[in-house]
Amino acid sequence: MKKQSFPITNIGTISLMMIFIVLCMVTFSALSLSSAVSDSSSSQKMSDHTDEYYSASNRAEEILADVDAVFADAYTKAQEKQEYYELISKGLPGNVESEVEDGDLTVSYQVKVNSSQGLLVRLAVLPPQQVEEEGKGFYQILSWQEIQTTEWEGDNTIQLIQ
């Protein structure tokens, strides 16, 4: 009887295929881990920024409540538009600025969000006649936006040779 012999190349082919599959699995798992760490870091930064923004927004709402009280007080004391605007300008808290443009009063203030951003709030003060006629509030919000408070300094240098 003749012995059957198995070719040696079949055993080597299977081993090479298994090594290739294991390498692929290790590579994909490393890429998945890297992606998960990156996503976790990104979501943590986004969560921190959201907390900072809403804290600043809450502080801005508190200032707005104080400013609204000044508007209400000036509305009860003033007889005409110019006097109304003067009472408002004098009664505003220190961090709130007022500006008259084309006979209309604009009030603005800024609240710090973080080291490089702030929350800018601009209000248009409605004249007393418009408050009486339309029954609206004392102001209209012109902007409630996040702004950059520092200048961006890009670094475009590349060190090719040390």
N, C-alpha and C. Protein backbone atom coordinates (compact mmCIF):
# COMPACT_ATOMS: atom_id res chain seq x y z
N MET A 1 0.81 -1.18 0.00
CA MET A 1 0.00 0.00 0.00
C MET A 1 0.86 1.24 0.00
N LYS A 2 0.36 2.12 -0.73
CA LYS A 2 1.07 3.37 -0.86
C LYS A 2 0.52 4.37 0.14
N LYS A 3 1.42 5.05 0.85
CA LYS A 3 0.99 6.07 1.82
C LYS A 3 0.57 7.32 1.09
N GLN A 4 -0.51 7.89 1.61
CA GLN A 4 -0.95 9.17 1.06
C GLN A 4 -0.17 10.28 1.74
N SER A 5 0.33 11.17 0.99
CA SER A 5 1.06 12.30 1.58
C SER A 5 0.29 13.59 1.30
N PHE A 6 0.30 14.39 2.30
CA PHE A 6 -0.39 15.69 2.17
C PHE A 6 0.65 16.75 1.81
N PRO A 7 0.28 17.60 0.94
CA PRO A 7 1.25 18.63 0.57
C PRO A 7 1.48 19.60 1.74
N ILE A 8 2.70 19.98 1.92
CA ILE A 8 3.08 20.86 3.03
C ILE A 8 2.55 22.27 2.81
N THR A 9 2.35 22.66 1.63
CA THR A 9 1.89 24.03 1.34
C THR A 9 0.50 24.30 1.89
N ASN A 10 -0.34 23.33 2.02
CA ASN A 10 -1.69 23.54 2.57
C ASN A 10 -1.63 23.99 4.02
N ILE A 11 -0.77 23.38 4.81
CA ILE A 11 -0.64 23.76 6.21
C ILE A 11 -0.11 25.18 6.31
N GLY A 12 0.82 25.57 5.51
CA GLY A 12 1.40 26.93 5.52
C GLY A 12 0.40 27.97 5.07
N THR A 13 -0.43 27.64 4.10
CA THR A 13 -1.43 28.57 3.60
C THR A 13 -2.45 28.90 4.68
N ILE A 14 -2.90 27.90 5.39
CA ILE A 14 -3.87 28.12 6.46
C ILE A 14 -3.25 28.96 7.57
N SER A 15 -2.02 28.69 7.91
CA SER A 15 -1.35 29.48 8.96
C SER A 15 -1.19 30.93 8.54
N LEU A 16 -0.80 31.15 7.28
CA LEU A 16 -0.66 32.53 6.79
C LEU A 16 -2.01 33.26 6.78
N MET A 17 -3.05 32.55 6.41
CA MET A 17 -4.38 33.16 6.39
C MET A 17 -4.82 33.55 7.81
N MET A 18 -4.55 32.67 8.78
CA MET A 18 -4.90 32.97 10.18
C MET A 18 -4.11 34.17 10.70
N ILE A 19 -2.84 34.23 10.37
CA ILE A 19 -2.01 35.37 10.79
C ILE A 19 -2.56 36.66 10.18
N PHE A 20 -2.92 36.62 8.90
CA PHE A 20 -3.48 37.80 8.23
C PHE A 20 -4.80 38.23 8.89
N ILE A 21 -5.67 37.29 9.21
CA ILE A 21 -6.95 37.61 9.85
C ILE A 21 -6.73 38.21 11.23
N VAL A 22 -5.81 37.65 11.99
CA VAL A 22 -5.52 38.18 13.33
C VAL A 22 -4.96 39.60 13.23
N LEU A 23 -4.06 39.83 12.28
CA LEU A 23 -3.51 41.18 12.08
C LEU A 23 -4.61 42.18 11.70
N CYS A 24 -5.51 41.77 10.84
CA CYS A 24 -6.62 42.64 10.45
C CYS A 24 -7.49 42.98 11.66
N MET A 25 -7.78 41.96 12.48
CA MET A 25 -8.62 42.19 13.67
C MET A 25 -7.93 43.13 14.66
N VAL A 26 -6.63 42.96 14.87
CA VAL A 26 -5.88 43.83 15.77
C VAL A 26 -5.87 45.26 15.24
N THR A 27 -5.67 45.41 13.94
CA THR A 27 -5.66 46.74 13.34
C THR A 27 -7.01 47.43 13.48
N PHE A 28 -8.08 46.71 13.18
CA PHE A 28 -9.41 47.31 13.30
C PHE A 28 -9.77 47.63 14.75
N SER A 29 -9.34 46.79 15.67
CA SER A 29 -9.64 47.07 17.08
C SER A 29 -8.86 48.30 17.56
N ALA A 30 -7.61 48.47 17.09
CA ALA A 30 -6.82 49.65 17.45
C ALA A 30 -7.46 50.91 16.87
N LEU A 31 -7.93 50.83 15.64
CA LEU A 31 -8.62 51.98 15.03
C LEU A 31 -9.92 52.30 15.76
N SER A 32 -10.65 51.30 16.16
CA SER A 32 -11.90 51.52 16.90
C SER A 32 -11.62 52.17 18.25
N LEU A 33 -10.60 51.70 18.93
CA LEU A 33 -10.22 52.28 20.22
C LEU A 33 -9.80 53.73 20.06
N SER A 34 -9.01 54.01 19.05
CA SER A 34 -8.57 55.38 18.78
C SER A 34 -9.77 56.29 18.48
N SER A 35 -10.69 55.82 17.70
CA SER A 35 -11.89 56.58 17.37
C SER A 35 -12.75 56.82 18.60
N ALA A 36 -12.89 55.82 19.46
CA ALA A 36 -13.70 55.96 20.67
C ALA A 36 -13.08 56.98 21.63
N VAL A 37 -11.75 56.97 21.77
CA VAL A 37 -11.08 57.95 22.64
C VAL A 37 -11.26 59.35 22.08
N SER A 38 -11.13 59.50 20.78
CA SER A 38 -11.32 60.80 20.14
C SER A 38 -12.75 61.31 20.32
N ASP A 39 -13.73 60.45 20.13
CA ASP A 39 -15.13 60.83 20.31
C ASP A 39 -15.42 61.21 21.76
N SER A 40 -14.84 60.49 22.69
CA SER A 40 -15.03 60.79 24.11
C SER A 40 -14.45 62.16 24.46
N SER A 41 -13.27 62.44 23.96
CA SER A 41 -12.64 63.74 24.20
C SER A 41 -13.45 64.87 23.59
N SER A 42 -13.92 64.66 22.39
CA SER A 42 -14.74 65.67 21.70
C SER A 42 -16.05 65.93 22.43
N SER A 43 -16.71 64.88 22.87
CA SER A 43 -17.98 65.05 23.57
C SER A 43 -17.78 65.71 24.93
N GLN A 44 -16.66 65.45 25.60
CA GLN A 44 -16.36 66.10 26.89
C GLN A 44 -16.14 67.60 26.68
N LYS A 45 -15.40 67.96 25.63
CA LYS A 45 -15.19 69.39 25.32
C LYS A 45 -16.52 70.07 25.01
N MET A 46 -17.36 69.40 24.25
CA MET A 46 -18.67 69.97 23.90
C MET A 46 -19.54 70.13 25.14
N SER A 47 -19.50 69.16 26.02
CA SER A 47 -20.27 69.24 27.27
C SER A 47 -19.78 70.39 28.15
N ASP A 48 -18.46 70.55 28.26
CA ASP A 48 -17.91 71.65 29.04
C ASP A 48 -18.31 73.00 28.45
N HIS A 49 -18.24 73.12 27.12
CA HIS A 49 -18.62 74.38 26.48
C HIS A 49 -20.11 74.67 26.67
N THR A 50 -20.93 73.65 26.58
CA THR A 50 -22.37 73.84 26.78
C THR A 50 -22.66 74.32 28.20
N ASP A 51 -21.98 73.73 29.19
CA ASP A 51 -22.14 74.18 30.58
C ASP A 51 -21.72 75.64 30.73
N GLU A 52 -20.58 75.99 30.14
CA GLU A 52 -20.10 77.38 30.21
C GLU A 52 -21.09 78.34 29.56
N TYR A 53 -21.61 77.95 28.39
CA TYR A 53 -22.54 78.83 27.68
C TYR A 53 -23.82 79.06 28.49
N TYR A 54 -24.39 77.99 29.03
CA TYR A 54 -25.64 78.15 29.76
C TYR A 54 -25.44 78.86 31.10
N SER A 55 -24.27 78.73 31.71
CA SER A 55 -23.97 79.53 32.91
C SER A 55 -23.91 81.01 32.55
N ALA A 56 -23.25 81.32 31.43
CA ALA A 56 -23.19 82.71 30.97
C ALA A 56 -24.58 83.22 30.59
N SER A 57 -25.37 82.37 29.98
CA SER A 57 -26.73 82.75 29.59
C SER A 57 -27.57 83.05 30.83
N ASN A 58 -27.39 82.26 31.88
CA ASN A 58 -28.11 82.51 33.13
C ASN A 58 -27.70 83.85 33.75
N ARG A 59 -26.38 84.15 33.72
CA ARG A 59 -25.92 85.45 34.23
C ARG A 59 -26.49 86.58 33.38
N ALA A 60 -26.55 86.38 32.07
CA ALA A 60 -27.12 87.40 31.19
C ALA A 60 -28.61 87.62 31.48
N GLU A 61 -29.32 86.55 31.79
CA GLU A 61 -30.74 86.67 32.15
C GLU A 61 -30.92 87.46 33.45
N GLU A 62 -30.01 87.24 34.41
CA GLU A 62 -30.07 88.00 35.67
C GLU A 62 -29.85 89.48 35.43
N ILE A 63 -28.87 89.81 34.59
CA ILE A 63 -28.63 91.21 34.24
C ILE A 63 -29.83 91.78 33.51
N LEU A 64 -30.42 90.99 32.62
CA LEU A 64 -31.61 91.43 31.89
C LEU A 64 -32.76 91.73 32.84
N ALA A 65 -32.91 90.95 33.89
CA ALA A 65 -33.96 91.21 34.88
C ALA A 65 -33.72 92.55 35.58
N ASP A 66 -32.45 92.84 35.93
CA ASP A 66 -32.12 94.12 36.55
C ASP A 66 -32.40 95.28 35.59
N VAL A 67 -32.02 95.10 34.34
CA VAL A 67 -32.25 96.14 33.33
C VAL A 67 -33.75 96.34 33.11
N ASP A 68 -34.50 95.27 33.09
CA ASP A 68 -35.95 95.37 32.93
C ASP A 68 -36.58 96.15 34.08
N ALA A 69 -36.06 95.96 35.29
CA ALA A 69 -36.56 96.72 36.45
C ALA A 69 -36.27 98.21 36.27
N VAL A 70 -35.10 98.54 35.72
CA VAL A 70 -34.77 99.95 35.44
C VAL A 70 -35.74 100.51 34.41
N PHE A 71 -36.04 99.72 33.37
CA PHE A 71 -37.00 100.17 32.35
C PHE A 71 -38.37 100.45 32.96
N ALA A 72 -38.84 99.56 33.81
CA ALA A 72 -40.16 99.71 34.43
C ALA A 72 -40.18 100.94 35.32
N ASP A 73 -39.11 101.16 36.08
CA ASP A 73 -39.04 102.32 36.96
C ASP A 73 -39.04 103.61 36.14
N ALA A 74 -38.26 103.66 35.08
CA ALA A 74 -38.22 104.85 34.22
C ALA A 74 -39.55 105.07 33.52
N TYR A 75 -40.24 104.00 33.17
CA TYR A 75 -41.53 104.12 32.49
C TYR A 75 -42.58 104.78 33.41
N THR A 76 -42.54 104.44 34.68
CA THR A 76 -43.52 105.03 35.61
C THR A 76 -43.20 106.48 35.94
N LYS A 77 -41.92 106.87 35.87
CA LYS A 77 -41.52 108.22 36.25
C LYS A 77 -41.49 109.22 35.10
N ALA A 78 -41.25 108.75 33.89
CA ALA A 78 -41.03 109.65 32.76
C ALA A 78 -42.34 110.11 32.13
N GLN A 79 -42.29 111.33 31.62
CA GLN A 79 -43.45 111.90 30.93
C GLN A 79 -43.29 111.86 29.41
N GLU A 80 -42.06 111.96 28.95
CA GLU A 80 -41.81 111.96 27.51
C GLU A 80 -40.61 111.07 27.18
N LYS A 81 -40.42 110.85 25.89
CA LYS A 81 -39.42 109.90 25.41
C LYS A 81 -38.00 110.26 25.86
N GLN A 82 -37.61 111.53 25.72
CA GLN A 82 -36.25 111.95 26.06
C GLN A 82 -35.97 111.73 27.55
N GLU A 83 -36.92 112.09 28.39
CA GLU A 83 -36.77 111.90 29.83
C GLU A 83 -36.69 110.40 30.16
N TYR A 84 -37.49 109.61 29.48
CA TYR A 84 -37.49 108.16 29.65
C TYR A 84 -36.11 107.58 29.36
N TYR A 85 -35.51 107.98 28.24
CA TYR A 85 -34.19 107.50 27.86
C TYR A 85 -33.11 107.96 28.84
N GLU A 86 -33.23 109.19 29.34
CA GLU A 86 -32.25 109.70 30.31
C GLU A 86 -32.32 108.93 31.63
N LEU A 87 -33.54 108.67 32.09
CA LEU A 87 -33.69 107.90 33.33
C LEU A 87 -33.12 106.48 33.18
N ILE A 88 -33.31 105.90 32.03
CA ILE A 88 -32.77 104.56 31.78
C ILE A 88 -31.24 104.60 31.77
N SER A 89 -30.66 105.57 31.06
CA SER A 89 -29.20 105.66 30.96
C SER A 89 -28.56 105.87 32.33
N LYS A 90 -29.21 106.62 33.19
CA LYS A 90 -28.67 106.88 34.54
C LYS A 90 -28.85 105.68 35.47
N GLY A 91 -29.90 104.92 35.30
CA GLY A 91 -30.21 103.83 36.22
C GLY A 91 -29.60 102.48 35.88
N LEU A 92 -28.95 102.38 34.73
CA LEU A 92 -28.38 101.09 34.31
C LEU A 92 -27.22 100.66 35.19
N PRO A 93 -27.06 99.36 35.43
CA PRO A 93 -25.90 98.87 36.18
C PRO A 93 -24.60 99.23 35.47
N GLY A 94 -23.48 99.15 36.18
CA GLY A 94 -22.19 99.58 35.66
C GLY A 94 -21.70 98.84 34.44
N ASN A 95 -22.02 97.57 34.29
CA ASN A 95 -21.51 96.79 33.16
C ASN A 95 -22.42 96.87 31.93
N VAL A 96 -23.46 97.69 32.00
CA VAL A 96 -24.40 97.82 30.89
C VAL A 96 -24.19 99.19 30.24
N GLU A 97 -24.06 99.19 28.92
CA GLU A 97 -23.83 100.42 28.18
C GLU A 97 -25.08 100.81 27.41
N SER A 98 -25.29 102.11 27.27
CA SER A 98 -26.42 102.60 26.48
C SER A 98 -25.90 103.52 25.40
N GLU A 99 -26.62 103.54 24.28
CA GLU A 99 -26.21 104.35 23.14
C GLU A 99 -27.46 104.82 22.40
N VAL A 100 -27.49 106.11 22.07
CA VAL A 100 -28.62 106.66 21.32
C VAL A 100 -28.21 106.76 19.86
N GLU A 101 -28.96 106.10 18.98
CA GLU A 101 -28.72 106.14 17.55
C GLU A 101 -30.01 106.53 16.85
N ASP A 102 -29.97 107.62 16.10
CA ASP A 102 -31.14 108.09 15.35
C ASP A 102 -32.37 108.26 16.24
N GLY A 103 -32.15 108.73 17.46
CA GLY A 103 -33.26 108.97 18.38
C GLY A 103 -33.76 107.73 19.10
N ASP A 104 -33.16 106.57 18.86
CA ASP A 104 -33.54 105.33 19.52
C ASP A 104 -32.44 104.90 20.48
N LEU A 105 -32.84 104.37 21.62
CA LEU A 105 -31.87 103.94 22.63
C LEU A 105 -31.59 102.45 22.47
N THR A 106 -30.30 102.13 22.46
CA THR A 106 -29.85 100.74 22.40
C THR A 106 -29.03 100.45 23.65
N VAL A 107 -29.32 99.35 24.31
CA VAL A 107 -28.62 98.94 25.51
C VAL A 107 -27.88 97.64 25.20
N SER A 108 -26.62 97.55 25.65
CA SER A 108 -25.85 96.33 25.38
C SER A 108 -24.97 96.00 26.58
N TYR A 109 -24.71 94.72 26.72
CA TYR A 109 -23.78 94.24 27.75
C TYR A 109 -23.21 92.91 27.30
N GLN A 110 -22.10 92.57 27.96
CA GLN A 110 -21.39 91.34 27.59
C GLN A 110 -21.11 90.53 28.84
N VAL A 111 -21.28 89.22 28.73
CA VAL A 111 -21.02 88.28 29.82
C VAL A 111 -19.95 87.31 29.34
N LYS A 112 -18.97 87.05 30.18
CA LYS A 112 -17.87 86.15 29.82
C LYS A 112 -18.33 84.70 29.83
N VAL A 113 -18.08 83.98 28.74
CA VAL A 113 -18.39 82.55 28.65
C VAL A 113 -17.18 81.74 29.10
N ASN A 114 -16.03 82.01 28.48
CA ASN A 114 -14.76 81.39 28.88
C ASN A 114 -13.64 82.36 28.57
N SER A 115 -12.41 81.91 28.54
CA SER A 115 -11.28 82.82 28.37
C SER A 115 -11.23 83.47 26.98
N SER A 116 -11.88 82.90 26.01
CA SER A 116 -11.80 83.44 24.66
C SER A 116 -13.15 83.80 24.05
N GLN A 117 -14.25 83.61 24.78
CA GLN A 117 -15.56 83.89 24.22
C GLN A 117 -16.42 84.64 25.23
N GLY A 118 -17.37 85.39 24.69
CA GLY A 118 -18.31 86.11 25.53
C GLY A 118 -19.70 86.06 24.91
N LEU A 119 -20.69 86.40 25.71
CA LEU A 119 -22.08 86.44 25.25
C LEU A 119 -22.49 87.91 25.16
N LEU A 120 -22.76 88.38 23.96
CA LEU A 120 -23.14 89.77 23.73
C LEU A 120 -24.65 89.88 23.61
N VAL A 121 -25.23 90.76 24.42
CA VAL A 121 -26.68 90.98 24.40
C VAL A 121 -26.92 92.44 24.03
N ARG A 122 -27.74 92.66 23.01
CA ARG A 122 -28.11 94.01 22.59
C ARG A 122 -29.63 94.12 22.61
N LEU A 123 -30.11 95.21 23.21
CA LEU A 123 -31.54 95.44 23.35
C LEU A 123 -31.91 96.78 22.73
N ALA A 124 -33.02 96.81 22.03
CA ALA A 124 -33.58 98.07 21.53
C ALA A 124 -34.69 98.47 22.49
N VAL A 125 -34.53 99.64 23.12
CA VAL A 125 -35.53 100.11 24.07
C VAL A 125 -36.70 100.70 23.29
N LEU A 126 -37.89 100.22 23.55
CA LEU A 126 -39.07 100.71 22.86
C LEU A 126 -39.52 102.03 23.50
N PRO A 127 -39.98 102.99 22.68
CA PRO A 127 -40.47 104.26 23.23
C PRO A 127 -41.72 104.02 24.09
N PRO A 128 -41.98 104.90 25.07
CA PRO A 128 -43.13 104.70 25.96
C PRO A 128 -44.47 104.62 25.22
N GLN A 129 -44.61 105.36 24.13
CA GLN A 129 -45.86 105.32 23.37
C GLN A 129 -46.10 103.95 22.76
N GLN A 130 -45.04 103.35 22.27
CA GLN A 130 -45.17 102.02 21.66
C GLN A 130 -45.47 100.97 22.73
N VAL A 131 -44.93 101.15 23.92
CA VAL A 131 -45.21 100.21 25.01
C VAL A 131 -46.68 100.30 25.38
N GLU A 132 -47.23 101.50 25.44
CA GLU A 132 -48.65 101.69 25.78
C GLU A 132 -49.57 101.14 24.71
N GLU A 133 -49.29 101.47 23.45
CA GLU A 133 -50.17 101.10 22.34
C GLU A 133 -50.19 99.59 22.08
N GLU A 134 -49.01 99.01 22.00
CA GLU A 134 -48.92 97.61 21.58
C GLU A 134 -48.93 96.63 22.75
N GLY A 135 -48.72 97.14 23.95
CA GLY A 135 -48.73 96.27 25.12
C GLY A 135 -47.58 95.28 25.16
N LYS A 136 -46.52 95.59 24.43
CA LYS A 136 -45.34 94.72 24.44
C LYS A 136 -44.51 95.03 25.68
N GLY A 137 -43.36 94.43 25.77
CA GLY A 137 -42.43 94.72 26.86
C GLY A 137 -41.74 96.04 26.62
N PHE A 138 -40.76 96.32 27.42
CA PHE A 138 -40.04 97.59 27.33
C PHE A 138 -38.91 97.54 26.32
N TYR A 139 -38.59 96.40 25.81
CA TYR A 139 -37.44 96.26 24.92
C TYR A 139 -37.68 95.14 23.90
N GLN A 140 -36.83 95.16 22.89
CA GLN A 140 -36.80 94.08 21.89
C GLN A 140 -35.36 93.59 21.83
N ILE A 141 -35.15 92.30 21.88
CA ILE A 141 -33.80 91.74 21.83
C ILE A 141 -33.30 91.78 20.38
N LEU A 142 -32.22 92.53 20.17
CA LEU A 142 -31.62 92.62 18.85
C LEU A 142 -30.63 91.47 18.60
N SER A 143 -29.85 91.16 19.62
CA SER A 143 -28.91 90.04 19.47
C SER A 143 -28.63 89.41 20.82
N TRP A 144 -28.44 88.13 20.77
CA TRP A 144 -28.06 87.31 21.94
C TRP A 144 -27.10 86.29 21.36
N GLN A 145 -25.83 86.72 21.21
CA GLN A 145 -24.91 85.88 20.45
C GLN A 145 -23.57 85.71 21.14
N GLU A 146 -22.95 84.61 20.80
CA GLU A 146 -21.63 84.29 21.33
C GLU A 146 -20.59 84.94 20.42
N ILE A 147 -19.62 85.64 21.02
CA ILE A 147 -18.60 86.33 20.23
C ILE A 147 -17.22 85.94 20.71
N GLN A 148 -16.22 86.13 19.86
CA GLN A 148 -14.82 85.93 20.20
C GLN A 148 -14.34 87.17 20.94
N THR A 149 -13.67 86.99 22.07
CA THR A 149 -13.14 88.12 22.83
C THR A 149 -11.63 88.26 22.69
N THR A 150 -10.98 87.26 22.11
CA THR A 150 -9.54 87.33 21.88
C THR A 150 -9.29 87.23 20.39
N GLU A 151 -8.15 87.76 19.99
CA GLU A 151 -7.80 87.71 18.57
C GLU A 151 -7.13 86.38 18.26
N TRP A 152 -7.50 85.80 17.13
CA TRP A 152 -6.94 84.52 16.72
C TRP A 152 -5.55 84.75 16.16
N GLU A 153 -4.60 83.97 16.64
CA GLU A 153 -3.23 84.06 16.15
C GLU A 153 -2.85 82.71 15.56
N GLY A 154 -2.88 82.63 14.25
CA GLY A 154 -2.56 81.38 13.59
C GLY A 154 -1.05 81.18 13.50
N ASP A 155 -0.60 79.97 13.66
CA ASP A 155 0.80 79.63 13.56
C ASP A 155 0.98 78.82 12.28
N ASN A 156 1.45 79.49 11.23
CA ASN A 156 1.60 78.84 9.94
C ASN A 156 3.05 78.42 9.66
N THR A 157 3.88 78.46 10.67
CA THR A 157 5.28 78.09 10.46
C THR A 157 5.43 76.57 10.54
N ILE A 158 6.32 76.08 9.69
CA ILE A 158 6.62 74.66 9.69
C ILE A 158 8.13 74.51 9.81
N GLN A 159 8.57 73.77 10.79
CA GLN A 159 9.99 73.56 10.99
C GLN A 159 10.37 72.28 10.26
N LEU A 160 11.06 72.44 9.14
CA LEU A 160 11.39 71.29 8.32
C LEU A 160 12.72 70.65 8.71
N ILE A 161 13.71 71.49 9.04
CA ILE A 161 15.02 70.98 9.37
C ILE A 161 15.40 71.49 10.75
N GLN A 162 15.91 70.60 11.58
CA GLN A 162 16.31 71.03 12.93
C GLN A 162 17.78 71.24 13.02
